[in-house]
Amino acid sequence: MISVGIDVSKGKSTVCILKPYGEIVCSPFEMQHVEKGLDGLDSILQKLDGEIRIVMEATGMFNLFNYLWRFIIIIQFSL
């Protein structure tokens, strides 16, 4: 399983993608909360093979979650 960790901040998020045992798939990078930034994340996620788990903190910023839900299709989530 591939883990995508997202640290949500105001206006941007920091994203890191890891395989099991800490193997780095994508070094941490910043993504702006605008269409171009979200589309870039979508493009990266679409290229990954296997099960993907997206982990992000529970904050008042749910625009990123809503985008992932609507466009990338989150199958299962827990709070």
Foldseek 3Di string as FASTA:
>chain_A
DKEWEWEDDVQKIWIFIADPPGHGPDHIDIFGPDPVRLVVVLVVVVPDDDDYDYDYDDDPPCSSVVCCCPPVNDPDDDD
